Amino acid sequence: MAGRKRRGWNKYIADYDKLRMFLRYISYGCYHKQYLARQLGQSARSYEDNWARVRFFLPEDRLQAVRQGHREIHSLKGDSYHSAFNDLARTYATKSLKSSAAFALLCLLQVFSSKAAAPETGAVGTNASACAGDGAFTDGGFIDETTLLQYELVPTDRPFPKLVEDISRSTLHRYLCDLTEQGLLERREESGRYGYRLAPDFLGDLRTDEVESLLAAIAFYRNVSLLGMPGYFLEQSLRAHYPAARCGEVPCQFKHMTITRILDDDVLYALACCIVERRAVHFSYRGKGVVAIPLQLVTDFESGRQYLFAVRKRRAVSKRFTIAQSYRIDLMQDVQPARAAKQQPEVTPPERHELQLAFRHDDERGREHLIYRIREHEPEAVLHDDGQGTLHATLETVDDLKLMPWIRTFYPVVRVEKDGPAHLAERMKKDIEEALVHYGIRPNLP
C-alpha cells in the first residue's frame, strides 16, 4: 500500500508531564477511553499509546480492566497490606534522552573514568585517546574543556560524532554542567577556566550490614518524605552496587498515603529548587499561564493533596508580585523556572482563629459518639459539656470552608456559636433551606 510510512510506536517519551495527567485519571478507575481522550485533548490513538506504556512498565497484577457495556475502563490497583512499594515509580523510566545525547554523556563518563584510572600518565582506555599535554588541570585528574575537545569518542556505525570537538562548545558545556549537578563530576575553577573530574563514588566500600540498614531506612523515609523518587533512585543504585544485599518489606502501613502522590515529584523538585534559588516559576494552571514566586510547599495528608503557596502578579502586565495564592500541585503543568526574583516578597500566612460549634445529644451514648467523631477529625479540639444536652467544641482553623463538608455530616444536630470570616452560620442556613425546598416533607397531592 503506497503512502507515507507510519512511524513505529515508542514506549519512551521526552516529557513526563504528558503521561502524568493520564495516570492520574486512570487511577480513579471510573473514566472510559473517549472521556479521557476528550479531557486530555488527545486522540484515541494517543490514549492507546499511553496505556501501552503503562502496561510495559507496570506489572500485570497492578492493572485491571472493567467493561461497562461496549466501553472498557482501565484502572490501577494496589494493596498497601501487601507492599509499601509504589509501582508508579517505574513509570519515571519512560522519560527518555535523545540517542545522540545519551551517546555523548556515556562517552564523556568513559573519558573521565579512564582519566581517573590512570591519572599519573593520562592514559585512556580503548574507547578514547588524548593528545599530549593536559594543560593546567593535569594535577588532580582534572580535565578542562579545551583539553577535553582533543579526545576521541567510541567509533560506531551510526552517525554519531567521532571526536569531542564535533560537539558544539555550548552543548558540551551543558552536558558537563548536567553531570556536575547530578553529582557524577567535580568541577574546579582555576584562572578563569573550569576543570572536571570523576566524582568519588560515595556508595562504594560499604559493608553488607550497612547496605541493608540503609535500604531499610530508604524504604521507610521515601513513603513519608515530600519526595519519594530520590529514594527509589538511591535504592536502585545500591542494588546495582550490592546485588547480594537483602531488604524485606517495611513492617508498618502508611496512613493517608496515596500512590498517585509520586506523580508530582518532578513538579515538586522543580518548585523546591526555585524556592531555594529564590527564582520565579512559570506554569500552566487550569488552562491559564501563571508566573509566581513560590514560597512554601504544603502537604495535606488527610485530603491527600499537596499545595504551592506562592505570590503572583495582580495582572499579567504588573511588575510586582503582591497577591498570595495557593495552587494545587496536581493541577500544575509545564513547570519551568523563570528569572531570579530581585526582592523576596514578605507575605504573612493567614492567622489561625477560633471557631465554636455546638452539638446536641439526647443521651450518654450519643454524647460519646459525638466526642469520638470530633476527636477523629479534630484531635486538638477543646470540648465542654454543659450538662443540658449540648456539647461545645472550640476549634482553631485557618480556612473555615475546609471544614464545611465535615460539618455537614452532623446536620441537624450542629450549629455555629462563634462564627469566622467565612460566615459558616449563614451558609449552613442556606444549606438547610435548600434541602427543605428540594427534599422537605410535602402534602400529598390529590
Protein backbone atom coordinates (compact mmCIF):
# COMPACT_ATOMS: atom_id res chain seq x y z
CA MET A 1 0.00 0.00 0.00
CA ALA A 2 1.56 3.24 -1.15
CA GLY A 3 1.71 6.27 1.04
CA ARG A 4 3.62 7.80 3.89
CA LYS A 5 5.48 5.36 6.09
CA ARG A 6 3.97 5.27 9.58
CA ARG A 7 6.34 5.85 12.46
CA GLY A 8 6.57 2.98 14.94
CA TRP A 9 5.28 3.20 18.47
CA ASN A 10 7.81 4.43 21.04
CA LYS A 11 7.43 3.42 24.68
CA TYR A 12 9.69 6.28 25.81
CA ILE A 13 8.66 9.94 25.95
CA ALA A 14 10.69 13.12 26.45
CA ASP A 15 8.12 14.89 28.66
CA TYR A 16 6.77 13.02 31.69
CA ASP A 17 4.02 15.64 32.04
CA LYS A 18 2.20 14.04 29.11
CA LEU A 19 1.88 10.76 30.99
CA ARG A 20 1.32 12.28 34.43
CA MET A 21 -2.23 13.52 33.88
CA PHE A 22 -3.14 10.30 32.07
CA LEU A 23 -2.01 8.22 35.05
CA ARG A 24 -3.97 10.39 37.44
CA TYR A 25 -7.23 9.94 35.54
CA ILE A 26 -6.58 6.21 35.13
CA SER A 27 -6.04 5.83 38.88
CA TYR A 28 -9.63 6.95 39.56
CA GLY A 29 -10.92 3.87 37.76
CA CYS A 30 -14.16 5.41 36.50
CA TYR A 31 -13.38 7.05 33.15
CA HIS A 32 -13.51 5.37 29.76
CA LYS A 33 -11.27 6.00 26.76
CA GLN A 34 -13.47 8.50 24.96
CA TYR A 35 -13.89 10.66 28.08
CA LEU A 36 -10.19 10.66 28.92
CA ALA A 37 -9.17 11.50 25.36
CA ARG A 38 -11.59 14.44 25.39
CA GLN A 39 -10.45 15.70 28.82
CA LEU A 40 -6.75 15.49 27.95
CA GLY A 41 -7.21 16.91 24.48
CA GLN A 42 -5.74 13.79 22.89
CA SER A 43 -6.80 11.35 20.23
CA ALA A 44 -7.94 7.81 20.92
CA ARG A 45 -4.66 6.60 19.43
CA SER A 46 -2.68 8.66 21.98
CA TYR A 47 -4.74 7.04 24.72
CA GLU A 48 -3.83 3.58 23.41
CA ASP A 49 -0.13 4.54 23.23
CA ASN A 50 -0.14 5.82 26.82
CA TRP A 51 -1.92 2.70 28.06
CA ALA A 52 0.64 0.56 26.22
CA ARG A 53 3.43 2.47 28.01
CA VAL A 54 1.77 1.84 31.36
CA ARG A 55 1.42 -1.87 30.57
CA PHE A 56 5.09 -2.05 29.60
CA PHE A 57 6.42 -0.51 32.82
CA LEU A 58 3.92 -1.77 35.41
CA PRO A 59 3.35 -5.40 36.45
CA GLU A 60 0.21 -7.07 35.16
CA ASP A 61 -1.13 -7.61 38.68
CA ARG A 62 -1.23 -3.81 39.14
CA LEU A 63 -3.50 -3.28 36.12
CA GLN A 64 -7.15 -4.05 35.65
CA ALA A 65 -9.84 -3.54 33.01
CA VAL A 66 -13.61 -3.49 33.57
CA ARG A 67 -16.24 -3.44 30.85
CA GLN A 68 -19.43 -1.39 31.09
CA GLY A 69 -21.48 -2.24 28.06
CA HIS A 70 -19.39 -1.56 24.98
CA ARG A 71 -16.89 0.59 26.90
CA GLU A 72 -13.76 -0.65 28.62
CA ILE A 73 -12.43 1.20 31.68
CA HIS A 74 -8.74 0.80 32.51
CA SER A 75 -7.51 1.43 36.02
CA LEU A 76 -4.74 0.67 38.51
CA LYS A 77 -4.93 -1.46 41.62
CA GLY A 78 -2.75 -1.99 44.65
CA ASP A 79 -2.83 -3.29 48.19
CA SER A 80 -0.99 -1.42 50.93
CA TYR A 81 -1.26 -4.52 53.11
CA HIS A 82 0.73 -6.43 50.51
CA SER A 83 3.59 -3.96 49.98
CA ALA A 84 4.61 -0.35 50.62
CA PHE A 85 6.43 -0.24 47.27
CA ASN A 86 4.90 2.32 44.91
CA ASP A 87 4.84 0.73 41.47
CA LEU A 88 4.18 4.10 39.83
CA ALA A 89 7.85 4.90 40.46
CA ARG A 90 8.62 2.65 37.50
CA THR A 91 6.75 5.00 35.16
CA TYR A 92 9.54 7.59 35.50
CA ALA A 93 11.61 5.24 33.34
CA THR A 94 9.53 6.42 30.38
CA LYS A 95 11.40 9.72 30.36
CA SER A 96 13.99 9.39 27.63
CA LEU A 97 17.08 11.03 26.17
CA LYS A 98 17.88 11.51 22.53
CA SER A 99 20.25 8.84 21.27
CA SER A 100 22.93 11.43 20.46
CA ALA A 101 22.71 12.94 23.97
CA ALA A 102 22.88 9.51 25.64
CA PHE A 103 25.88 8.58 23.48
CA ALA A 104 27.72 11.81 24.33
CA LEU A 105 27.06 11.53 28.07
CA LEU A 106 28.24 7.90 28.24
CA CYS A 107 31.38 8.69 26.24
CA LEU A 108 32.21 11.66 28.47
CA LEU A 109 31.85 9.48 31.58
CA GLN A 110 34.16 6.88 29.97
CA VAL A 111 36.73 9.58 29.27
CA PHE A 112 36.70 10.76 32.87
CA SER A 113 36.72 7.16 34.15
CA SER A 114 39.80 6.31 32.12
CA LYS A 115 41.48 9.52 33.31
CA ALA A 116 40.72 8.61 36.92
CA ALA A 117 42.07 5.07 36.38
CA ALA A 118 45.48 6.35 35.16
CA PRO A 119 45.89 9.93 36.42
CA GLU A 120 49.65 9.85 36.52
CA THR A 121 50.13 9.05 32.82
CA GLY A 122 46.99 10.49 31.30
CA ALA A 123 46.40 7.18 29.52
CA VAL A 124 42.95 6.22 28.44
CA GLY A 125 41.11 3.03 27.61
CA THR A 126 40.19 1.55 24.28
CA ASN A 127 37.38 3.96 23.67
CA ALA A 128 39.15 7.31 23.93
CA SER A 129 42.54 8.88 23.42
CA ALA A 130 44.00 12.28 24.22
CA CYS A 131 46.73 14.39 22.82
CA ALA A 132 49.73 15.13 24.96
CA GLY A 133 49.59 17.94 27.43
CA ASP A 134 46.50 18.31 29.57
CA GLY A 135 47.24 21.91 30.41
CA ALA A 136 46.79 23.40 33.85
CA PHE A 137 44.47 20.65 35.09
CA THR A 138 46.73 17.62 34.88
CA ASP A 139 47.19 17.82 38.64
CA GLY A 140 44.42 16.00 40.49
CA GLY A 141 43.00 14.36 37.40
CA PHE A 142 41.01 17.42 36.29
CA ILE A 143 40.38 17.98 32.57
CA ASP A 144 39.44 21.35 31.18
CA GLU A 145 37.09 21.83 28.25
CA THR A 146 39.89 22.76 25.82
CA THR A 147 41.78 19.54 26.54
CA LEU A 148 38.57 17.55 26.51
CA LEU A 149 37.97 18.60 22.91
CA GLN A 150 41.03 16.58 21.83
CA TYR A 151 39.59 13.23 22.96
CA GLU A 152 38.18 10.72 20.53
CA LEU A 153 34.84 9.06 21.06
CA VAL A 154 33.75 5.47 20.62
CA PRO A 155 33.72 4.55 16.93
CA THR A 156 30.28 3.37 15.84
CA ASP A 157 28.48 2.59 12.61
CA ARG A 158 25.86 5.22 13.39
CA PRO A 159 26.14 8.91 12.51
CA PHE A 160 27.49 9.95 15.92
CA PRO A 161 30.37 12.40 16.45
CA LYS A 162 33.88 10.92 16.15
CA LEU A 163 35.60 13.50 18.36
CA VAL A 164 34.52 15.57 21.32
CA GLU A 165 35.28 18.66 19.25
CA ASP A 166 32.49 17.63 16.89
CA ILE A 167 30.08 18.50 19.73
CA SER A 168 29.38 22.22 19.94
CA ARG A 169 31.00 24.04 22.85
CA SER A 170 27.67 25.16 24.24
CA THR A 171 26.27 21.61 24.11
CA LEU A 172 29.41 20.20 25.70
CA HIS A 173 29.27 22.81 28.47
CA ARG A 174 25.60 21.94 29.11
CA TYR A 175 26.43 18.22 29.33
CA LEU A 176 29.25 18.90 31.80
CA CYS A 177 27.00 21.12 33.94
CA ASP A 178 24.28 18.47 33.98
CA LEU A 179 26.74 15.77 35.05
CA THR A 180 28.10 18.09 37.74
CA GLU A 181 24.62 18.88 39.10
CA GLN A 182 23.85 15.16 39.21
CA GLY A 183 26.95 14.55 41.33
CA LEU A 184 28.81 12.46 38.74
CA LEU A 185 31.55 15.05 38.11
CA GLU A 186 33.51 17.51 40.24
CA ARG A 187 34.28 20.98 38.96
CA ARG A 188 37.20 23.25 39.89
CA GLU A 189 37.91 26.78 38.69
CA GLU A 190 41.47 27.94 38.06
CA SER A 191 42.49 31.14 36.26
CA GLY A 192 39.03 31.57 34.82
CA ARG A 193 38.93 28.03 33.43
CA TYR A 194 36.85 25.11 34.64
CA GLY A 195 38.28 21.64 35.12
CA TYR A 196 36.28 18.47 35.63
CA ARG A 197 36.99 15.04 37.00
CA LEU A 198 35.01 12.00 38.04
CA ALA A 199 33.42 12.42 41.47
CA PRO A 200 34.25 9.81 44.10
CA ASP A 201 31.72 7.02 44.50
CA PHE A 202 30.19 7.62 47.92
CA LEU A 203 28.28 4.33 47.67
CA GLY A 204 31.46 2.28 47.40
CA ASP A 205 33.21 0.41 50.21
CA LEU A 206 30.06 -0.21 52.26
CA ARG A 207 29.65 -3.33 54.34
CA THR A 208 26.72 -5.63 53.67
CA ASP A 209 25.07 -4.83 57.00
CA GLU A 210 25.41 -1.09 56.30
CA VAL A 211 23.77 -1.51 52.90
CA GLU A 212 20.88 -3.49 54.38
CA SER A 213 20.34 -0.88 57.11
CA LEU A 214 20.42 1.88 54.51
CA LEU A 215 17.92 0.05 52.30
CA ALA A 216 15.55 -0.35 55.25
CA ALA A 217 15.79 3.37 56.07
CA ILE A 218 15.18 4.30 52.42
CA ALA A 219 12.11 2.04 52.23
CA PHE A 220 10.61 3.90 55.19
CA TYR A 221 11.50 7.53 54.54
CA ARG A 222 10.56 7.53 50.84
CA ASN A 223 6.96 6.96 51.96
CA VAL A 224 6.86 9.83 54.45
CA SER A 225 9.10 12.46 52.82
CA LEU A 226 8.00 15.20 50.45
CA LEU A 227 9.71 13.49 47.50
CA GLY A 228 9.68 9.74 47.08
CA MET A 229 11.51 9.25 43.79
CA PRO A 230 15.02 10.07 45.15
CA GLY A 231 14.60 7.12 47.49
CA TYR A 232 13.74 4.78 44.63
CA PHE A 233 16.71 6.04 42.60
CA LEU A 234 19.05 5.55 45.56
CA GLU A 235 17.71 2.06 46.20
CA GLN A 236 18.25 1.16 42.55
CA SER A 237 21.88 2.38 42.72
CA LEU A 238 22.54 0.44 45.91
CA ARG A 239 21.10 -2.77 44.50
CA ALA A 240 23.26 -2.34 41.39
CA HIS A 241 26.36 -1.96 43.58
CA TYR A 242 25.47 -4.69 46.06
CA PRO A 243 23.11 -7.25 44.45
CA ALA A 244 23.59 -9.67 47.37
CA ALA A 245 22.18 -7.23 49.96
CA ARG A 246 18.76 -8.17 51.34
CA CYS A 247 15.93 -5.95 52.48
CA GLY A 248 12.44 -7.07 53.46
CA GLU A 249 9.16 -5.20 53.49
CA VAL A 250 8.62 -2.25 55.82
CA PRO A 251 6.88 -3.64 58.95
CA CYS A 252 4.21 -0.93 59.01
CA GLN A 253 1.38 0.53 56.99
CA PHE A 254 1.34 4.19 56.00
CA LYS A 255 -1.89 6.07 56.62
CA HIS A 256 -3.14 8.70 54.15
CA MET A 257 -0.53 7.53 51.64
CA THR A 258 -1.93 7.82 48.11
CA ILE A 259 0.11 6.14 45.39
CA THR A 260 -0.60 8.95 42.93
CA ARG A 261 1.31 11.46 45.05
CA ILE A 262 4.56 10.28 43.47
CA LEU A 263 3.35 11.53 40.09
CA ASP A 264 4.03 15.10 41.26
CA ASP A 265 7.65 14.53 42.37
CA ASP A 266 9.06 16.06 39.19
CA VAL A 267 6.98 19.21 39.75
CA LEU A 268 7.78 19.35 43.47
CA TYR A 269 11.51 19.07 42.80
CA ALA A 270 11.39 21.94 40.29
CA LEU A 271 9.41 24.09 42.76
CA ALA A 272 11.75 23.24 45.64
CA CYS A 273 14.75 24.30 43.53
CA CYS A 274 13.03 27.59 42.69
CA ILE A 275 12.35 28.23 46.39
CA VAL A 276 15.99 27.59 47.34
CA GLU A 277 17.35 29.65 44.45
CA ARG A 278 14.77 32.42 45.03
CA ARG A 279 13.52 32.20 41.46
CA ALA A 280 10.11 32.80 39.97
CA VAL A 281 8.32 29.96 38.22
CA HIS A 282 6.09 29.75 35.18
CA PHE A 283 3.42 27.07 34.91
CA SER A 284 0.04 26.27 33.42
CA TYR A 285 -2.86 26.07 35.87
CA ARG A 286 -6.41 25.16 34.79
CA GLY A 287 -5.55 26.14 31.22
CA LYS A 288 -4.05 29.54 32.12
CA GLY A 289 -0.41 30.62 32.27
CA VAL A 290 0.80 31.78 35.68
CA VAL A 291 4.02 33.48 36.76
CA ALA A 292 4.56 33.42 40.53
CA ILE A 293 7.24 33.35 43.21
CA PRO A 294 6.97 30.07 45.18
CA LEU A 295 7.24 30.39 48.95
CA GLN A 296 6.09 27.15 50.59
CA LEU A 297 5.14 23.58 49.72
CA VAL A 298 2.27 22.32 51.88
CA THR A 299 1.09 18.71 52.23
CA ASP A 300 -2.41 17.93 53.48
CA PHE A 301 -2.15 14.26 54.37
CA GLU A 302 -5.81 13.99 55.33
CA SER A 303 -7.06 15.00 51.88
CA GLY A 304 -4.05 13.50 50.10
CA ARG A 305 -3.27 16.76 48.30
CA GLN A 306 -0.23 18.99 48.04
CA TYR A 307 -0.29 22.74 47.56
CA LEU A 308 2.06 25.52 46.50
CA PHE A 309 1.81 28.73 48.47
CA ALA A 310 3.07 31.46 46.16
CA VAL A 311 2.80 35.15 45.33
CA ARG A 312 1.58 36.14 41.87
CA LYS A 313 1.02 39.37 39.99
CA ARG A 314 -2.33 41.09 40.17
CA ARG A 315 -2.35 41.40 36.37
CA ALA A 316 -0.14 39.99 33.66
CA VAL A 317 1.33 43.44 32.96
CA SER A 318 2.04 44.20 36.63
CA LYS A 319 5.65 44.48 37.73
CA ARG A 320 5.27 43.46 41.37
CA PHE A 321 4.14 40.19 42.95
CA THR A 322 1.53 41.13 45.52
CA ILE A 323 -1.28 38.51 45.54
CA ALA A 324 -0.82 35.47 47.79
CA GLN A 325 -2.50 32.34 46.50
CA SER A 326 -2.41 28.56 46.92
CA TYR A 327 -2.23 26.22 43.93
CA ARG A 328 -2.94 22.51 43.79
CA ILE A 329 0.22 20.70 42.72
CA ASP A 330 -1.70 18.01 40.84
CA LEU A 331 -3.25 20.65 38.54
CA MET A 332 0.05 22.36 37.69
CA GLN A 333 1.63 21.55 34.33
CA ASP A 334 4.60 22.71 32.25
CA VAL A 335 6.51 23.96 35.30
CA GLN A 336 9.56 25.96 34.20
CA PRO A 337 11.95 28.08 36.30
CA ALA A 338 11.85 31.78 35.42
CA ARG A 339 14.13 34.68 36.27
CA ALA A 340 15.54 35.22 39.73
CA ALA A 341 13.40 37.39 41.99
CA LYS A 342 15.09 40.68 42.84
CA GLN A 343 13.28 41.00 46.15
CA GLN A 344 11.72 38.12 48.01
CA PRO A 345 8.19 39.20 48.95
CA GLU A 346 7.29 39.09 52.59
CA VAL A 347 3.86 37.55 52.88
CA THR A 348 2.31 36.75 56.22
CA PRO A 349 0.35 33.49 56.13
CA PRO A 350 -3.25 33.79 57.32
CA GLU A 351 -3.62 33.61 61.08
CA ARG A 352 -5.49 30.84 62.88
CA HIS A 353 -8.73 31.82 64.57
CA GLU A 354 -11.28 30.13 66.79
CA LEU A 355 -14.46 28.52 65.57
CA GLN A 356 -17.01 27.42 68.18
CA LEU A 357 -19.60 24.77 67.40
CA ALA A 358 -22.42 23.28 69.50
CA PHE A 359 -23.66 19.71 69.12
CA ARG A 360 -26.95 18.47 70.58
CA HIS A 361 -27.23 14.95 72.01
CA ASP A 362 -30.01 13.02 73.74
CA ASP A 363 -28.15 10.58 75.97
CA GLU A 364 -24.71 9.48 77.16
CA ARG A 365 -24.26 7.14 74.23
CA GLY A 366 -24.94 9.94 71.74
CA ARG A 367 -22.52 12.19 73.62
CA GLU A 368 -19.71 9.62 73.47
CA HIS A 369 -20.36 9.08 69.77
CA LEU A 370 -20.08 12.82 69.10
CA ILE A 371 -16.83 13.04 71.07
CA TYR A 372 -15.38 10.14 69.10
CA ARG A 373 -16.27 11.67 65.74
CA ILE A 374 -14.93 15.10 66.70
CA ARG A 375 -11.67 13.70 68.10
CA GLU A 376 -11.22 11.57 65.00
CA HIS A 377 -11.27 14.63 62.73
CA GLU A 378 -10.05 17.38 65.08
CA PRO A 379 -7.89 15.80 67.81
CA GLU A 380 -6.89 19.21 69.25
CA ALA A 381 -10.45 20.47 69.72
CA VAL A 382 -11.43 21.69 73.19
CA LEU A 383 -14.69 20.05 74.29
CA HIS A 384 -17.09 21.08 77.05
CA ASP A 385 -20.43 19.52 78.03
CA ASP A 386 -22.87 21.93 79.71
CA GLY A 387 -24.85 19.04 81.20
CA GLN A 388 -28.05 20.09 79.39
CA GLY A 389 -27.66 18.02 76.26
CA THR A 390 -25.22 20.27 74.39
CA LEU A 391 -21.56 19.57 73.66
CA HIS A 392 -19.49 22.69 72.91
CA ALA A 393 -16.38 22.37 70.72
CA THR A 394 -13.74 25.05 70.13
CA LEU A 395 -11.53 24.58 67.06
CA GLU A 396 -8.55 26.52 65.72
CA THR A 397 -8.58 26.80 61.95
CA VAL A 398 -7.25 28.87 59.07
CA ASP A 399 -9.86 28.06 56.45
CA ASP A 400 -13.41 27.61 57.73
CA LEU A 401 -14.68 26.44 54.35
CA LYS A 402 -12.36 23.46 54.53
CA LEU A 403 -14.40 22.20 57.50
CA MET A 404 -17.75 22.68 55.78
CA PRO A 405 -18.05 19.16 54.25
CA TRP A 406 -17.26 17.61 57.64
CA ILE A 407 -19.73 19.87 59.48
CA ARG A 408 -22.49 18.91 57.05
CA THR A 409 -22.25 15.31 58.24
CA PHE A 410 -23.61 16.46 61.65
CA TYR A 411 -26.82 18.02 60.32
CA PRO A 412 -29.21 18.70 62.01
CA VAL A 413 -27.59 18.47 65.47
CA VAL A 414 -24.89 21.11 64.93
CA ARG A 415 -24.93 24.89 64.99
CA VAL A 416 -22.30 27.64 64.94
CA GLU A 417 -21.82 29.55 68.18
CA LYS A 418 -18.86 31.77 67.24
CA ASP A 419 -18.51 32.33 63.51
CA GLY A 420 -15.41 33.18 61.49
CA PRO A 421 -14.70 35.25 58.38
CA ALA A 422 -16.31 32.62 56.12
CA HIS A 423 -19.75 33.08 57.76
CA LEU A 424 -20.47 29.38 58.17
CA ALA A 425 -23.73 30.00 60.03
CA GLU A 426 -25.24 31.75 57.01
CA ARG A 427 -24.01 29.00 54.69
CA MET A 428 -25.49 26.31 56.94
CA LYS A 429 -28.82 28.14 56.98
CA LYS A 430 -28.87 28.23 53.16
CA ASP A 431 -27.99 24.52 53.06
CA ILE A 432 -30.96 23.65 55.26
CA GLU A 433 -33.35 25.90 53.34
CA GLU A 434 -32.26 24.34 50.04
CA ALA A 435 -32.69 20.84 51.47
CA LEU A 436 -36.21 21.66 52.68
CA VAL A 437 -37.16 23.07 49.29
CA HIS A 438 -35.95 20.06 47.34
CA TYR A 439 -36.35 17.20 49.83
CA GLY A 440 -38.67 18.51 52.54
CA ILE A 441 -42.00 16.93 53.60
CA ARG A 442 -44.76 17.96 51.24
CA PRO A 443 -48.55 17.33 51.43
CA ASN A 444 -49.87 14.50 49.32
CA LEU A 445 -51.26 15.71 46.06
CA PRO A 446 -54.82 14.59 45.11
